[in-house]
Amino acid sequence: MTHVHEIAVRKVKPGKEQTFRERRAAFIRVLKQQPAALVDREFESFLAMPTPDETDVFIGMTTYESLAANARIQRNPRVVWNFLRFARTMDLKAYVYVEPTEGPAFDLADLASKPGQVLEVGVRRVTDRSRFEKTRPEFIRLLSEQPGVRDSWEFRVVKGKDADDLAVGMTVYDDRAALEAVMASILGDPVTQAYFATFEPVALQYATSTTND
């Protein structure tokens, strides 16, 4: 059975910060009671590119046994009721279900879990698929050579909101200082520029793990 990972990039509605946290906690408590919801994590974004976010943004991720198991959970009345209350506090910047295609074994429970580690989540709409596939390996090699870069993954989108031509990548950095050094080193590189020209960012977030409660 292939596990599937849900990624929800959530923009908190203005003035709803406290309600967002309270209703998210209630929703997550119910979600974690579902046997097929294997792991749930949350990350708080501190940087978005190319345009800064105007409100707080949180990235919720859940690993499910399968898409079918997720569909069953979404029919649970308690899950639905708590989610609908939660949904009133946010807007979705991106919402996808993904499966890993490249990188080391993916374990959401261990993802950027050490203190200070930074998670980059890139949801991109590919505008030139052939050039994207050609330039991405060169970019990943460049990125992997940088000090402070831990692991990178690529995912295929199997379901989601406005999912046509979407692709998802993740990278873990040692800390914010490492991220800043990597950005300074590679953003102007022709390899990076060639790769970035093949897609439009839907949600490009840099985040750290929360207590998820």
Protein backbone atom coordinates (compact mmCIF):
# COMPACT_ATOMS: atom_id res chain seq x y z
CA MET A 1 0.00 0.00 0.00
CA THR A 2 1.38 3.40 -1.01
CA HIS A 3 1.16 6.08 1.63
CA VAL A 4 0.02 9.51 0.47
CA HIS A 5 0.97 12.84 2.02
CA GLU A 6 -1.41 15.78 2.28
CA ILE A 7 0.08 19.28 2.16
CA ALA A 8 -2.09 22.26 3.08
CA VAL A 9 -0.53 25.74 2.94
CA ARG A 10 -2.91 27.81 5.06
CA LYS A 11 -3.12 31.61 5.17
CA VAL A 12 -4.68 32.80 8.40
CA LYS A 13 -7.49 35.29 7.83
CA PRO A 14 -6.80 38.75 9.31
CA GLY A 15 -7.90 38.95 12.92
CA LYS A 16 -8.45 35.19 13.16
CA GLU A 17 -5.05 34.20 14.58
CA GLN A 18 -6.25 32.96 17.97
CA THR A 19 -9.37 31.29 16.56
CA PHE A 20 -7.22 29.61 13.91
CA ARG A 21 -5.00 28.05 16.58
CA GLU A 22 -7.91 26.93 18.75
CA ARG A 23 -9.90 25.38 15.93
CA ARG A 24 -6.85 23.82 14.34
CA ALA A 25 -6.03 22.14 17.66
CA ALA A 26 -9.59 20.78 17.90
CA PHE A 27 -9.46 19.51 14.33
CA ILE A 28 -6.06 17.86 14.78
CA ARG A 29 -7.21 16.11 17.97
CA VAL A 30 -10.04 14.46 16.05
CA LEU A 31 -7.87 13.73 13.01
CA LYS A 32 -5.21 11.98 15.10
CA GLN A 33 -7.88 9.62 16.44
CA GLN A 34 -8.37 8.18 12.95
CA PRO A 35 -6.26 4.99 12.53
CA ALA A 36 -5.43 5.67 8.86
CA ALA A 37 -4.05 9.15 9.64
CA LEU A 38 -0.53 7.96 10.42
CA VAL A 39 1.42 11.17 11.09
CA ASP A 40 0.43 14.83 11.36
CA ARG A 41 2.85 17.77 11.49
CA GLU A 42 2.62 21.54 11.28
CA PHE A 43 5.22 24.10 10.22
CA GLU A 44 5.09 27.87 10.66
CA SER A 45 6.30 29.85 7.65
CA PHE A 46 8.66 32.76 8.31
CA LEU A 47 9.49 33.58 4.68
CA ALA A 48 7.72 33.35 1.34
CA MET A 49 9.14 33.99 -2.12
CA PRO A 50 8.93 35.88 -4.35
CA THR A 51 6.25 37.91 -2.50
CA PRO A 52 6.05 38.07 1.31
CA ASP A 53 2.84 36.79 2.90
CA GLU A 54 0.54 39.46 4.32
CA THR A 55 -0.75 37.24 7.13
CA ASP A 56 0.54 34.26 9.11
CA VAL A 57 0.99 31.09 7.06
CA PHE A 58 1.12 27.55 8.42
CA ILE A 59 1.85 24.35 6.51
CA GLY A 60 -0.07 21.32 7.69
CA MET A 61 1.05 17.89 6.52
CA THR A 62 -0.55 14.51 7.14
CA THR A 63 0.52 11.05 6.05
CA TYR A 64 -2.38 8.70 5.26
CA GLU A 65 -2.38 4.99 4.52
CA SER A 66 -3.80 5.74 1.06
CA LEU A 67 -6.05 8.12 -0.86
CA ALA A 68 -8.95 5.73 -0.22
CA ALA A 69 -8.29 5.88 3.53
CA ASN A 70 -8.21 9.67 3.37
CA ALA A 71 -11.55 9.68 1.55
CA ARG A 72 -13.08 7.54 4.32
CA ILE A 73 -11.77 9.90 6.99
CA GLN A 74 -13.22 12.89 5.15
CA ARG A 75 -16.67 11.27 5.42
CA ASN A 76 -16.42 11.03 9.21
CA PRO A 77 -18.99 13.50 10.64
CA ARG A 78 -16.74 14.61 13.54
CA VAL A 79 -13.83 15.23 11.19
CA VAL A 80 -16.05 17.16 8.79
CA TRP A 81 -17.63 19.32 11.50
CA ASN A 82 -14.30 20.26 13.07
CA PHE A 83 -12.70 20.92 9.70
CA LEU A 84 -15.51 23.22 8.54
CA ARG A 85 -15.12 25.32 11.71
CA PHE A 86 -11.35 25.40 11.15
CA ALA A 87 -11.74 26.30 7.46
CA ARG A 88 -13.54 29.56 8.33
CA THR A 89 -10.31 30.91 9.82
CA MET A 90 -8.09 30.49 6.76
CA ASP A 91 -7.63 30.59 3.01
CA LEU A 92 -5.68 27.93 1.15
CA LYS A 93 -2.57 29.04 -0.68
CA ALA A 94 -1.98 25.48 -1.90
CA TYR A 95 -3.59 22.10 -1.21
CA VAL A 96 -2.22 18.87 -2.67
CA TYR A 97 -1.75 15.17 -2.08
CA VAL A 98 1.65 13.87 -3.09
CA GLU A 99 3.85 10.80 -3.35
CA PRO A 100 7.68 11.00 -3.27
CA THR A 101 9.52 10.26 -6.51
CA GLU A 102 13.10 11.32 -5.68
CA GLY A 103 15.22 11.61 -2.57
CA PRO A 104 15.88 9.47 0.51
CA ALA A 105 13.11 7.57 2.29
CA PHE A 106 10.49 10.15 3.27
CA ASP A 107 9.33 10.09 6.90
CA LEU A 108 7.05 12.96 7.85
CA ALA A 109 7.60 12.28 11.56
CA ASP A 110 11.32 13.03 11.15
CA LEU A 111 11.03 15.87 8.63
CA ALA A 112 12.94 18.98 9.83
CA SER A 113 12.26 17.80 13.37
CA LYS A 114 15.52 18.88 14.99
CA PRO A 115 15.57 22.29 16.75
CA GLY A 116 16.31 25.13 14.35
CA GLN A 117 16.04 23.11 11.15
CA VAL A 118 14.29 24.88 8.27
CA LEU A 119 11.93 23.22 5.81
CA GLU A 120 11.52 24.61 2.31
CA VAL A 121 8.25 23.62 0.62
CA GLY A 122 7.93 24.54 -3.03
CA VAL A 123 4.59 24.10 -4.79
CA ARG A 124 5.21 25.18 -8.38
CA ARG A 125 3.13 25.32 -11.54
CA VAL A 126 5.38 24.02 -14.31
CA THR A 127 5.22 26.11 -17.48
CA ASP A 128 7.82 24.21 -19.51
CA ARG A 129 7.86 20.54 -18.54
CA SER A 130 10.73 19.43 -20.77
CA ARG A 131 13.04 22.23 -19.57
CA PHE A 132 11.90 21.68 -15.98
CA GLU A 133 12.95 18.01 -16.14
CA LYS A 134 16.22 18.93 -17.84
CA THR A 135 17.28 21.76 -15.52
CA ARG A 136 16.07 20.38 -12.19
CA PRO A 137 18.78 17.69 -11.75
CA GLU A 138 21.49 20.30 -12.32
CA PHE A 139 19.86 22.59 -9.78
CA ILE A 140 19.53 19.80 -7.21
CA ARG A 141 23.21 18.95 -7.65
CA LEU A 142 24.14 22.60 -7.09
CA LEU A 143 21.87 22.81 -4.05
CA SER A 144 23.16 19.56 -2.55
CA GLU A 145 26.74 20.81 -2.70
CA GLN A 146 25.99 23.74 -0.39
CA PRO A 147 26.99 23.53 3.30
CA GLY A 148 24.00 23.24 5.61
CA VAL A 149 21.72 21.47 3.11
CA ARG A 150 20.44 18.20 4.57
CA ASP A 151 18.07 16.38 2.19
CA SER A 152 15.86 17.16 -0.80
CA TRP A 153 12.80 15.40 -2.20
CA GLU A 154 10.65 15.67 -5.29
CA PHE A 155 6.99 14.61 -5.28
CA ARG A 156 4.33 13.95 -7.85
CA VAL A 157 0.91 15.44 -7.22
CA VAL A 158 -1.80 12.77 -7.21
CA LYS A 159 -4.74 14.97 -6.18
CA GLY A 160 -5.39 18.53 -5.16
CA LYS A 161 -6.79 22.01 -5.65
CA ASP A 162 -6.03 23.40 -9.15
CA ALA A 163 -3.50 20.58 -9.47
CA ASP A 164 -2.82 20.75 -13.23
CA ASP A 165 0.93 21.00 -13.92
CA LEU A 166 1.79 21.25 -10.23
CA ALA A 167 5.05 19.82 -8.88
CA VAL A 168 6.25 19.80 -5.29
CA GLY A 169 9.76 19.83 -3.87
CA MET A 170 11.12 19.98 -0.33
CA THR A 171 14.55 20.70 1.14
CA VAL A 172 15.74 20.70 4.75
CA TYR A 173 18.42 23.13 5.94
CA ASP A 174 20.40 23.04 9.19
CA ASP A 175 19.09 26.44 10.29
CA ARG A 176 18.18 29.93 9.09
CA ALA A 177 21.82 30.97 8.80
CA ALA A 178 22.49 28.03 6.48
CA LEU A 179 19.44 28.94 4.39
CA GLU A 180 20.58 32.56 4.07
CA ALA A 181 24.07 31.45 3.03
CA VAL A 182 22.68 29.06 0.42
CA MET A 183 20.42 31.75 -1.02
CA ALA A 184 23.30 34.19 -1.26
CA SER A 185 25.40 31.55 -2.99
CA ILE A 186 23.00 30.12 -5.58
CA LEU A 187 20.15 32.52 -6.39
CA GLY A 188 22.23 34.38 -8.98
CA ASP A 189 23.75 31.23 -10.46
CA PRO A 190 22.81 30.54 -14.12
CA VAL A 191 21.81 26.99 -13.16
CA THR A 192 19.30 28.36 -10.65
CA GLN A 193 18.01 30.98 -13.08
CA ALA A 194 17.49 28.40 -15.84
CA TYR A 195 15.54 26.14 -13.47
CA PHE A 196 13.40 28.91 -11.95
CA ALA A 197 12.40 30.04 -15.46
CA THR A 198 10.51 26.76 -15.98
CA PHE A 199 7.79 27.28 -13.36
CA GLU A 200 5.65 29.79 -11.51
CA PRO A 201 5.65 29.59 -7.70
CA VAL A 202 2.25 28.82 -6.19
CA ALA A 203 3.60 28.58 -2.65
CA LEU A 204 7.31 28.79 -1.90
CA GLN A 205 7.58 28.73 1.88
CA TYR A 206 10.40 28.49 4.41
CA ALA A 207 9.21 27.21 7.75
CA THR A 208 10.07 25.67 11.10
CA SER A 209 8.27 22.94 13.01
CA THR A 210 5.64 23.87 15.60
CA THR A 211 4.54 21.92 18.67
CA ASN A 212 1.45 20.85 16.66
CA ASP A 213 -1.01 21.08 19.52
